[in-house]
Amino acid sequence: MWLFFHRLASPKHFYRIAGAFIPWLGGLTVLLFLAGLYLGLVAAPPDYQQGESYRIMFIHVPSAWMSMFVYVFMAVLSGIHLIWNIKLADVMASSSAVLGASFTFLALVTGSLWGKPMWGAWWVWDARLTSELILLFLYLGYIALVSAIEDKRAAGRAGGVLILVGVVNIPIIHYSVEWWNTLHQGPTVTKLDKPSIHFSMLLPLLVMALAFQFYYFTLVLMRARSELLERERRSAWVQELFGEASVRSD
């Protein structure tokens, strides 16, 4: 097991292993999206209060979950990079930033579309909405910071510190509906006793959550492989893989 993770941390072996996983992850992503969209848009019944408009939940909730998951994942990767100086951890973190920002933006947009018929307003300075907006700014700040520093090592360290400092926002997002009196509804799936959502709606929601998860890992591996080739373009294994002439930039 430890030998596998040691080999995985090697850029050469990661590139090969990720390339083998991507088609399978992509195929599962497509199947899960097809199943989740059918269950959510066709099979699930209308909500007795919100009618058909609640179906945006099947996009909004998974994207909101993923916005937090990706940030926590980036924080773990940043910690690994700062402590053990593992280059691959920084590559995965930087490859995740755009995806995490996209999930956060999608969560804010779909939440606004859902909030208009429910609350009568496109936006309110609700605790969860505001903290989710701060999360988007953290993603954008990280992207801007690492892009502004030419030295990849310095950029990785500076970006990692920013991510670790900003991770305090994640529990604020999660518990905001319990800590403050907000318009946003409380937890319905992660309750300790049982979810207060019917199984016919819970099933497509969980399937869509899995679809978003597999979608993220498919794209982040693709982005990480490209980033790895860019950083390692002068390495022997890249020149051996593609030929020395194809990786020269001069």
Protein backbone atom coordinates (compact mmCIF):
# COMPACT_ATOMS: atom_id res chain seq x y z
CA MET A 1 0.00 0.00 0.00
CA TRP A 2 2.73 2.47 1.01
CA LEU A 3 4.71 1.48 -2.09
CA PHE A 4 1.65 2.32 -4.23
CA PHE A 5 1.30 5.81 -2.71
CA HIS A 6 5.04 6.37 -3.00
CA ARG A 7 4.90 5.52 -6.70
CA LEU A 8 1.78 7.65 -7.11
CA ALA A 9 3.69 10.68 -5.80
CA SER A 10 6.15 10.24 -8.67
CA PRO A 11 5.13 12.52 -11.60
CA LYS A 12 5.92 9.79 -14.12
CA HIS A 13 3.78 7.15 -12.46
CA PHE A 14 1.00 9.61 -11.62
CA TYR A 15 0.77 10.63 -15.28
CA ARG A 16 0.41 7.00 -16.33
CA ILE A 17 -2.03 5.98 -13.58
CA ALA A 18 -4.20 9.09 -14.04
CA GLY A 19 -4.35 8.44 -17.77
CA ALA A 20 -5.66 4.94 -17.09
CA PHE A 21 -8.32 6.16 -14.65
CA ILE A 22 -9.68 9.08 -16.70
CA PRO A 23 -11.71 7.04 -19.27
CA TRP A 24 -13.36 5.00 -16.51
CA LEU A 25 -14.14 8.05 -14.42
CA GLY A 26 -15.49 9.85 -17.47
CA GLY A 27 -17.73 6.94 -18.38
CA LEU A 28 -19.12 6.70 -14.85
CA THR A 29 -19.69 10.46 -14.86
CA VAL A 30 -21.83 10.28 -17.99
CA LEU A 31 -23.86 7.33 -16.67
CA LEU A 32 -24.44 8.99 -13.30
CA PHE A 33 -25.49 12.28 -14.89
CA LEU A 34 -27.95 10.51 -17.20
CA ALA A 35 -29.42 8.51 -14.31
CA GLY A 36 -29.52 11.48 -11.93
CA LEU A 37 -31.12 13.85 -14.43
CA TYR A 38 -33.75 11.28 -15.36
CA LEU A 39 -34.56 10.51 -11.72
CA GLY A 40 -34.57 14.18 -10.76
CA LEU A 41 -36.36 15.75 -13.73
CA VAL A 42 -38.69 12.94 -14.76
CA ALA A 43 -39.17 10.30 -12.07
CA ALA A 44 -39.23 12.48 -8.94
CA PRO A 45 -42.67 13.94 -8.09
CA PRO A 46 -43.29 17.70 -7.76
CA ASP A 47 -42.82 19.17 -4.30
CA TYR A 48 -46.07 19.84 -2.47
CA GLN A 49 -45.00 23.40 -1.63
CA GLN A 50 -42.51 24.46 -4.30
CA GLY A 51 -43.96 22.58 -7.24
CA GLU A 52 -41.58 22.00 -10.12
CA SER A 53 -39.21 24.81 -9.19
CA TYR A 54 -37.51 22.70 -6.50
CA ARG A 55 -35.86 20.57 -9.21
CA ILE A 56 -33.04 23.10 -9.44
CA MET A 57 -31.98 21.52 -6.15
CA PHE A 58 -30.46 18.63 -8.10
CA ILE A 59 -27.88 21.04 -9.53
CA HIS A 60 -27.66 23.60 -6.74
CA VAL A 61 -27.06 21.28 -3.80
CA PRO A 62 -24.37 19.06 -5.40
CA SER A 63 -22.52 22.12 -6.70
CA ALA A 64 -22.63 23.69 -3.22
CA TRP A 65 -21.34 20.47 -1.66
CA MET A 66 -18.56 20.28 -4.24
CA SER A 67 -17.56 23.90 -3.68
CA MET A 68 -16.72 23.03 -0.09
CA PHE A 69 -15.31 19.57 -0.81
CA VAL A 70 -12.85 20.89 -3.39
CA TYR A 71 -11.64 23.64 -1.04
CA VAL A 72 -11.05 21.18 1.82
CA PHE A 73 -9.28 18.85 -0.61
CA MET A 74 -7.09 21.75 -1.73
CA ALA A 75 -6.33 22.58 1.91
CA VAL A 76 -5.19 19.00 2.56
CA LEU A 77 -3.05 19.05 -0.59
CA SER A 78 -1.59 22.44 0.35
CA GLY A 79 -0.68 21.13 3.79
CA ILE A 80 1.05 18.12 2.25
CA HIS A 81 2.95 20.36 -0.13
CA LEU A 82 4.05 22.81 2.56
CA ILE A 83 5.10 20.10 5.03
CA TRP A 84 6.65 17.45 2.76
CA ASN A 85 7.33 19.56 -0.35
CA ILE A 86 5.60 17.07 -2.64
CA LYS A 87 5.29 18.74 -6.04
CA LEU A 88 2.35 16.60 -7.13
CA ALA A 89 0.23 17.88 -4.23
CA ASP A 90 0.74 21.45 -5.44
CA VAL A 91 -0.11 20.40 -9.00
CA MET A 92 -3.39 18.83 -7.85
CA ALA A 93 -4.24 21.87 -5.72
CA SER A 94 -3.63 24.37 -8.52
CA SER A 95 -5.54 22.14 -10.97
CA SER A 96 -8.52 22.09 -8.59
CA ALA A 97 -8.86 25.86 -8.13
CA VAL A 98 -10.72 26.68 -11.35
CA LEU A 99 -13.04 23.72 -10.85
CA GLY A 100 -13.78 24.73 -7.26
CA ALA A 101 -14.49 28.31 -8.33
CA SER A 102 -16.81 27.00 -11.07
CA PHE A 103 -18.77 24.87 -8.60
CA THR A 104 -19.05 27.84 -6.22
CA PHE A 105 -20.23 30.17 -9.00
CA LEU A 106 -22.78 27.56 -10.14
CA ALA A 107 -24.04 27.18 -6.57
CA LEU A 108 -24.50 30.95 -6.24
CA VAL A 109 -26.27 31.30 -9.60
CA THR A 110 -28.62 28.35 -9.11
CA GLY A 111 -29.27 29.47 -5.55
CA SER A 112 -30.25 32.88 -6.86
CA LEU A 113 -32.58 31.33 -9.44
CA TRP A 114 -34.12 29.16 -6.74
CA GLY A 115 -34.35 32.01 -4.25
CA LYS A 116 -36.31 34.34 -6.52
CA PRO A 117 -39.59 32.33 -6.47
CA MET A 118 -39.03 31.19 -2.87
CA TRP A 119 -37.89 34.42 -1.21
CA GLY A 120 -39.03 36.98 -3.75
CA ALA A 121 -35.47 38.26 -4.30
CA TRP A 122 -32.50 37.24 -6.42
CA TRP A 123 -30.06 37.91 -3.59
CA VAL A 124 -30.19 38.53 0.13
CA TRP A 125 -27.26 38.97 2.49
CA ASP A 126 -28.04 35.66 4.13
CA ALA A 127 -25.26 34.12 6.25
CA ARG A 128 -24.85 31.08 4.02
CA LEU A 129 -25.03 33.06 0.78
CA THR A 130 -22.51 35.60 2.04
CA SER A 131 -20.05 32.97 3.27
CA GLU A 132 -20.42 31.10 -0.03
CA LEU A 133 -19.62 34.34 -1.87
CA ILE A 134 -16.52 34.71 0.32
CA LEU A 135 -15.54 31.20 -0.74
CA LEU A 136 -15.69 32.29 -4.38
CA PHE A 137 -13.43 35.25 -3.58
CA LEU A 138 -10.98 32.86 -1.87
CA TYR A 139 -10.82 30.70 -4.98
CA LEU A 140 -10.35 33.73 -7.23
CA GLY A 141 -7.74 35.16 -4.87
CA TYR A 142 -5.78 31.90 -4.97
CA ILE A 143 -5.94 31.78 -8.78
CA ALA A 144 -4.79 35.41 -9.06
CA LEU A 145 -2.00 34.92 -6.52
CA VAL A 146 -0.42 31.83 -8.08
CA SER A 147 -0.77 33.35 -11.56
CA ALA A 148 1.02 36.54 -10.49
CA ILE A 149 4.12 34.73 -9.19
CA GLU A 150 6.39 33.33 -11.88
CA ASP A 151 8.32 30.98 -9.61
CA LYS A 152 6.11 27.89 -9.31
CA ARG A 153 7.61 26.92 -5.95
CA ALA A 154 7.01 30.33 -4.40
CA ALA A 155 3.54 30.47 -5.98
CA GLY A 156 2.66 27.09 -4.52
CA ARG A 157 3.78 28.06 -1.03
CA ALA A 158 1.98 31.43 -1.09
CA GLY A 159 -1.19 29.90 -2.51
CA GLY A 160 -1.07 27.07 0.03
CA VAL A 161 -0.90 29.51 2.93
CA LEU A 162 -3.90 31.41 1.54
CA ILE A 163 -5.92 28.22 1.18
CA LEU A 164 -5.10 27.06 4.71
CA VAL A 165 -6.03 30.44 6.19
CA GLY A 166 -9.31 30.52 4.28
CA VAL A 167 -10.36 27.01 5.34
CA VAL A 168 -11.95 28.55 8.44
CA ASN A 169 -14.76 29.67 6.13
CA ILE A 170 -15.87 26.09 5.44
CA PRO A 171 -17.45 25.35 8.86
CA ILE A 172 -19.02 28.82 8.73
CA ILE A 173 -20.76 27.88 5.47
CA HIS A 174 -21.84 24.50 6.81
CA TYR A 175 -23.15 25.62 10.19
CA SER A 176 -24.37 29.11 9.23
CA VAL A 177 -28.01 27.99 9.10
CA GLU A 178 -27.70 26.63 12.64
CA TRP A 179 -25.64 29.45 14.17
CA TRP A 180 -27.71 32.34 12.79
CA ASN A 181 -31.34 33.01 11.96
CA THR A 182 -31.25 32.95 8.15
CA LEU A 183 -33.65 32.59 5.25
CA HIS A 184 -31.75 29.57 4.02
CA GLN A 185 -33.37 26.28 4.99
CA GLY A 186 -31.67 24.02 7.51
CA PRO A 187 -30.03 20.65 6.79
CA THR A 188 -32.32 18.05 5.25
CA VAL A 189 -29.92 15.29 4.18
CA THR A 190 -27.21 15.31 6.88
CA LYS A 191 -29.48 15.22 9.92
CA LEU A 192 -28.47 12.81 12.66
CA ASP A 193 -31.82 11.04 12.94
CA LYS A 194 -33.00 10.76 9.33
CA PRO A 195 -33.16 13.00 6.26
CA SER A 196 -36.32 15.14 6.08
CA ILE A 197 -36.60 14.56 2.36
CA HIS A 198 -38.56 11.84 0.60
CA PHE A 199 -36.54 8.97 -0.84
CA SER A 200 -37.88 9.68 -4.34
CA MET A 201 -36.11 13.06 -4.12
CA LEU A 202 -33.16 11.93 -2.00
CA LEU A 203 -32.07 9.21 -4.45
CA PRO A 204 -31.62 11.50 -7.48
CA LEU A 205 -29.94 14.08 -5.26
CA LEU A 206 -27.35 11.54 -4.10
CA VAL A 207 -26.86 10.22 -7.63
CA MET A 208 -26.26 13.77 -8.88
CA ALA A 209 -23.84 14.35 -6.01
CA LEU A 210 -21.87 11.30 -7.12
CA ALA A 211 -22.00 12.52 -10.72
CA PHE A 212 -20.52 15.87 -9.70
CA GLN A 213 -17.86 14.06 -7.67
CA PHE A 214 -16.77 11.85 -10.55
CA TYR A 215 -16.93 14.84 -12.91
CA TYR A 216 -14.54 16.73 -10.67
CA PHE A 217 -12.04 13.89 -10.40
CA THR A 218 -12.16 13.30 -14.16
CA LEU A 219 -11.39 16.94 -14.95
CA VAL A 220 -8.86 17.48 -12.18
CA LEU A 221 -6.82 14.49 -13.34
CA MET A 222 -6.92 15.79 -16.91
CA ARG A 223 -5.83 19.27 -15.79
CA ALA A 224 -3.17 17.84 -13.48
CA ARG A 225 -1.66 15.78 -16.30
CA SER A 226 -1.43 18.88 -18.49
CA GLU A 227 0.05 20.95 -15.66
CA LEU A 228 2.52 18.19 -14.90
CA LEU A 229 3.71 18.06 -18.50
CA GLU A 230 4.20 21.83 -18.48
CA ARG A 231 6.26 21.76 -15.28
CA GLU A 232 8.21 18.62 -16.17
CA ARG A 233 8.68 19.34 -19.90
CA ARG A 234 12.47 19.19 -19.58
CA SER A 235 12.48 16.02 -17.48
CA ALA A 236 13.86 12.81 -18.91
CA TRP A 237 10.58 10.90 -18.56
CA VAL A 238 8.64 13.51 -20.55
CA GLN A 239 11.26 13.60 -23.28
CA GLU A 240 11.22 9.83 -23.35
CA LEU A 241 7.42 9.78 -23.56
CA PHE A 242 6.97 12.34 -26.31
CA GLY A 243 10.39 12.70 -27.84
CA GLU A 244 12.91 15.39 -27.05
CA ALA A 245 12.00 17.57 -30.04
CA SER A 246 8.31 17.77 -29.13
CA VAL A 247 8.92 19.14 -25.61
CA ARG A 248 11.46 21.80 -26.43
CA SER A 249 10.01 25.26 -26.10
CA ASP A 250 13.07 27.16 -27.27
